[in-house]
Amino acid sequence: MARYTGPVCKLCRREGEKLLLKGERCFTPKCALERRAYAPGMHGRQAQFRRKESDYSLQLREKQKARRIYGVLERQFRRYFKEAERRKGLTGVNLLILLESRLDNVVYRLGFADSRAQARQLVRHGHFDVNGRKTDIPSFLVKPGDVIAVRERSKKLTYFKDLSAVIEHKVVPEWLSLDISKMEGRVLALPTREDIDASLNEQLIVEYYSR
């Protein structure tokens, strides 16, 4: 299965809520969900009058929503779930912690990108170091103590020069710290469930894979 390259606003409309896939645009009147608050397709307007969804449908939708929020393909998402099962604690919470620990998500959370898709592209283009080493793998899992910094040569780019002026207005989660002058962030600890603001019911995802 290839990565989805179609209009991402359709994904938000399908889930019936903003997944923040386009960054700041999602908070403007240009947001597709503001203009067409119904599912895409020729029968989208009638979707709200359909019969009640089954348990399986609810579980599937929640799993798909999580995949779309973090930009992860099905095979990779299933691997994260298996790893979450192996770890101590609640499987659903472990799954969200793994997804939040991805390098592209951390870059997004630090404010270096407006969306996870943009963060993934920046990482792939080699603009970040992790602990002083160039890292261009978006799925790289960070650990407490890791330092994520914009590479010295990348700081000279117009994008990062302009970013330094607006990044100070962005809110960084408590499990991360940001040094704007150095354009680097540090992982203070792994996030807890309370630190993860994604509107997900992880128990439904666990039930989906436990069928």
Protein backbone atom coordinates (compact mmCIF):
# COMPACT_ATOMS: atom_id res chain seq x y z
CA MET A 1 0.00 0.00 0.00
CA ALA A 2 1.44 3.36 -1.06
CA ARG A 3 1.26 6.50 1.04
CA TYR A 4 -1.89 8.55 0.54
CA THR A 5 -1.18 11.53 -1.72
CA GLY A 6 -4.72 12.81 -2.29
CA PRO A 7 -6.44 15.85 -0.72
CA VAL A 8 -5.85 15.54 3.02
CA CYS A 9 -8.89 17.68 3.83
CA LYS A 10 -11.01 14.75 2.68
CA LEU A 11 -9.52 12.70 5.51
CA CYS A 12 -10.71 15.24 8.08
CA ARG A 13 -14.16 15.33 6.54
CA ARG A 14 -14.32 11.53 6.57
CA GLU A 15 -13.52 11.43 10.28
CA GLY A 16 -15.82 14.35 11.01
CA GLU A 17 -13.21 16.37 12.90
CA LYS A 18 -10.06 18.38 12.36
CA LEU A 19 -6.95 16.18 12.27
CA LEU A 20 -4.69 19.24 11.83
CA LEU A 21 -3.12 17.79 8.71
CA LYS A 22 -2.50 21.23 7.16
CA GLY A 23 -1.20 23.09 10.17
CA GLU A 24 -2.29 26.72 10.53
CA ARG A 25 -4.72 26.46 7.61
CA CYS A 26 -6.91 24.19 9.76
CA PHE A 27 -7.65 27.17 12.05
CA THR A 28 -8.79 29.47 9.24
CA PRO A 29 -12.07 29.74 7.30
CA LYS A 30 -10.28 27.97 4.43
CA CYS A 31 -10.52 24.70 6.37
CA ALA A 32 -12.65 22.28 4.33
CA LEU A 33 -14.45 21.08 7.45
CA GLU A 34 -15.64 24.64 8.09
CA ARG A 35 -17.07 24.91 4.58
CA ARG A 36 -18.34 21.34 4.10
CA ALA A 37 -18.94 19.69 7.45
CA TYR A 38 -20.01 16.36 5.99
CA ALA A 39 -18.30 13.25 4.69
CA PRO A 40 -16.81 13.38 1.15
CA GLY A 41 -18.45 11.64 -1.75
CA MET A 42 -21.81 11.88 -3.50
CA HIS A 43 -23.61 10.44 -0.44
CA GLY A 44 -21.70 12.44 2.14
CA ARG A 45 -24.61 14.69 3.07
CA GLN A 46 -26.83 11.69 3.81
CA ALA A 47 -24.23 9.94 6.00
CA GLN A 48 -25.63 11.46 9.19
CA PHE A 49 -29.00 9.79 8.55
CA ARG A 50 -27.59 6.29 8.17
CA ARG A 51 -28.22 3.59 10.71
CA LYS A 52 -26.12 3.33 13.84
CA GLU A 53 -22.52 2.20 13.25
CA SER A 54 -21.45 -1.25 14.43
CA ASP A 55 -18.76 -1.82 17.05
CA TYR A 56 -16.39 -2.95 14.31
CA SER A 57 -17.03 0.23 12.33
CA LEU A 58 -16.26 2.41 15.36
CA GLN A 59 -13.06 0.47 16.04
CA LEU A 60 -11.95 0.70 12.41
CA ARG A 61 -12.63 4.43 12.23
CA GLU A 62 -10.61 5.07 15.39
CA LYS A 63 -7.68 3.06 14.05
CA GLN A 64 -7.82 4.88 10.73
CA LYS A 65 -8.01 8.24 12.48
CA ALA A 66 -4.87 7.46 14.51
CA ARG A 67 -3.02 6.38 11.37
CA ARG A 68 -4.00 9.56 9.58
CA ILE A 69 -3.10 11.86 12.44
CA TYR A 70 0.43 10.45 12.69
CA GLY A 71 0.86 9.68 8.99
CA VAL A 72 1.64 5.97 9.45
CA LEU A 73 0.87 3.16 7.01
CA GLU A 74 -1.04 0.06 8.09
CA ARG A 75 1.89 -2.35 8.22
CA GLN A 76 3.98 0.05 10.28
CA PHE A 77 1.03 0.86 12.53
CA ARG A 78 0.52 -2.85 13.22
CA ARG A 79 4.20 -3.17 14.18
CA TYR A 80 3.78 -0.32 16.65
CA PHE A 81 0.79 -2.13 18.15
CA LYS A 82 2.74 -5.37 18.57
CA GLU A 83 5.56 -3.47 20.25
CA ALA A 84 3.02 -1.75 22.51
CA GLU A 85 1.67 -5.17 23.53
CA ARG A 86 5.15 -6.35 24.51
CA ARG A 87 5.76 -3.37 26.79
CA LYS A 88 4.54 -3.11 30.37
CA GLY A 89 1.43 -1.06 31.01
CA LEU A 90 -1.72 -0.39 29.02
CA THR A 91 -1.35 -1.38 25.37
CA GLY A 92 -3.36 1.56 24.07
CA VAL A 93 -1.35 4.12 26.03
CA ASN A 94 1.92 2.44 25.01
CA LEU A 95 0.83 2.71 21.38
CA LEU A 96 0.22 6.45 21.64
CA ILE A 97 3.54 6.96 23.42
CA LEU A 98 5.35 5.15 20.60
CA LEU A 99 3.63 7.32 17.99
CA GLU A 100 4.42 10.49 19.92
CA SER A 101 8.08 9.42 20.20
CA ARG A 102 8.59 9.43 16.44
CA LEU A 103 11.15 12.01 15.33
CA ASP A 104 8.78 13.67 12.86
CA ASN A 105 6.18 14.09 15.60
CA VAL A 106 8.77 15.56 18.01
CA VAL A 107 9.89 18.03 15.34
CA TYR A 108 6.24 19.02 14.93
CA ARG A 109 5.67 19.29 18.69
CA LEU A 110 8.74 21.52 19.08
CA GLY A 111 7.24 23.93 16.55
CA PHE A 112 9.77 23.42 13.77
CA ALA A 113 6.91 22.50 11.39
CA ASP A 114 3.24 23.42 11.02
CA SER A 115 2.14 19.83 10.47
CA ARG A 116 3.46 16.32 10.88
CA ALA A 117 3.60 15.93 7.09
CA GLN A 118 5.84 18.98 6.83
CA ALA A 119 7.94 17.73 9.75
CA ARG A 120 8.35 14.38 8.00
CA GLN A 121 9.58 16.13 4.86
CA LEU A 122 12.04 18.29 6.80
CA VAL A 123 13.46 15.23 8.55
CA ARG A 124 13.79 13.29 5.29
CA HIS A 125 15.67 16.19 3.73
CA GLY A 126 18.26 15.93 6.49
CA HIS A 127 17.69 19.21 8.33
CA PHE A 128 17.98 17.76 11.85
CA ASP A 129 20.59 16.21 14.11
CA VAL A 130 19.81 13.88 16.99
CA ASN A 131 22.52 13.95 19.63
CA GLY A 132 24.88 15.58 17.12
CA ARG A 133 24.32 13.04 14.34
CA LYS A 134 22.37 13.69 11.17
CA THR A 135 19.14 11.72 11.29
CA ASP A 136 16.81 11.60 8.30
CA ILE A 137 14.49 8.79 9.40
CA PRO A 138 11.04 10.16 10.39
CA SER A 139 10.16 6.99 12.32
CA PHE A 140 13.28 7.22 14.52
CA LEU A 141 12.12 6.83 18.14
CA VAL A 142 13.56 9.39 20.53
CA LYS A 143 14.44 8.68 24.17
CA PRO A 144 14.63 10.85 27.30
CA GLY A 145 17.79 12.94 27.11
CA ASP A 146 17.92 13.07 23.31
CA VAL A 147 18.67 16.48 21.78
CA ILE A 148 17.01 17.34 18.46
CA ALA A 149 18.64 20.31 16.74
CA VAL A 150 18.44 22.07 13.40
CA ARG A 151 21.68 21.39 11.55
CA GLU A 152 24.11 24.30 11.28
CA ARG A 153 23.98 24.44 7.50
CA SER A 154 20.16 24.36 7.60
CA LYS A 155 19.98 27.36 9.94
CA LYS A 156 21.12 29.51 7.02
CA LEU A 157 18.02 28.66 5.01
CA THR A 158 15.27 31.27 4.74
CA TYR A 159 12.71 28.86 6.20
CA PHE A 160 14.54 28.46 9.50
CA LYS A 161 15.57 32.12 9.65
CA ASP A 162 11.92 33.14 9.42
CA LEU A 163 10.86 30.36 11.77
CA SER A 164 12.98 31.65 14.65
CA ALA A 165 10.81 34.78 14.78
CA VAL A 166 7.49 32.93 15.18
CA ILE A 167 8.43 29.75 17.01
CA GLU A 168 8.46 31.53 20.38
CA HIS A 169 4.68 31.84 20.20
CA LYS A 170 4.17 28.09 19.93
CA VAL A 171 3.32 25.95 22.95
CA VAL A 172 5.75 23.10 23.62
CA PRO A 173 4.53 20.04 25.59
CA GLU A 174 5.86 19.60 29.12
CA TRP A 175 7.81 16.46 28.17
CA LEU A 176 9.92 18.55 25.78
CA SER A 177 12.04 21.69 26.18
CA LEU A 178 13.00 24.18 23.49
CA ASP A 179 16.01 26.48 23.24
CA ILE A 180 15.07 29.00 20.56
CA SER A 181 18.49 30.66 20.45
CA LYS A 182 20.14 27.34 19.59
CA MET A 183 17.19 26.05 17.54
CA GLU A 184 17.21 22.80 19.42
CA GLY A 185 14.92 20.81 21.69
CA ARG A 186 15.45 18.19 24.34
CA VAL A 187 13.35 15.19 25.32
CA LEU A 188 12.86 15.52 29.08
CA ALA A 189 10.78 12.36 29.47
CA LEU A 190 8.46 10.09 27.55
CA PRO A 191 4.95 11.58 27.31
CA THR A 192 2.13 10.40 29.54
CA ARG A 193 -1.44 9.92 28.33
CA GLU A 194 -2.32 13.33 29.78
CA ASP A 195 0.40 14.94 27.63
CA ILE A 196 -1.08 13.60 24.40
CA ASP A 197 -3.81 15.90 23.12
CA ALA A 198 -4.87 13.74 20.17
CA SER A 199 -8.62 13.09 20.38
CA LEU A 200 -8.31 9.32 20.24
CA ASN A 201 -9.98 6.48 22.10
CA GLU A 202 -7.05 4.08 22.19
CA GLN A 203 -9.17 1.31 23.72
CA LEU A 204 -11.14 1.02 20.48
CA ILE A 205 -7.86 0.50 18.60
CA VAL A 206 -6.88 -2.27 21.05
CA GLU A 207 -10.27 -3.90 20.53
CA TYR A 208 -9.85 -3.70 16.75
CA TYR A 209 -6.56 -5.63 16.79
CA SER A 210 -7.80 -8.05 19.47
CA ARG A 211 -10.68 -9.41 17.37
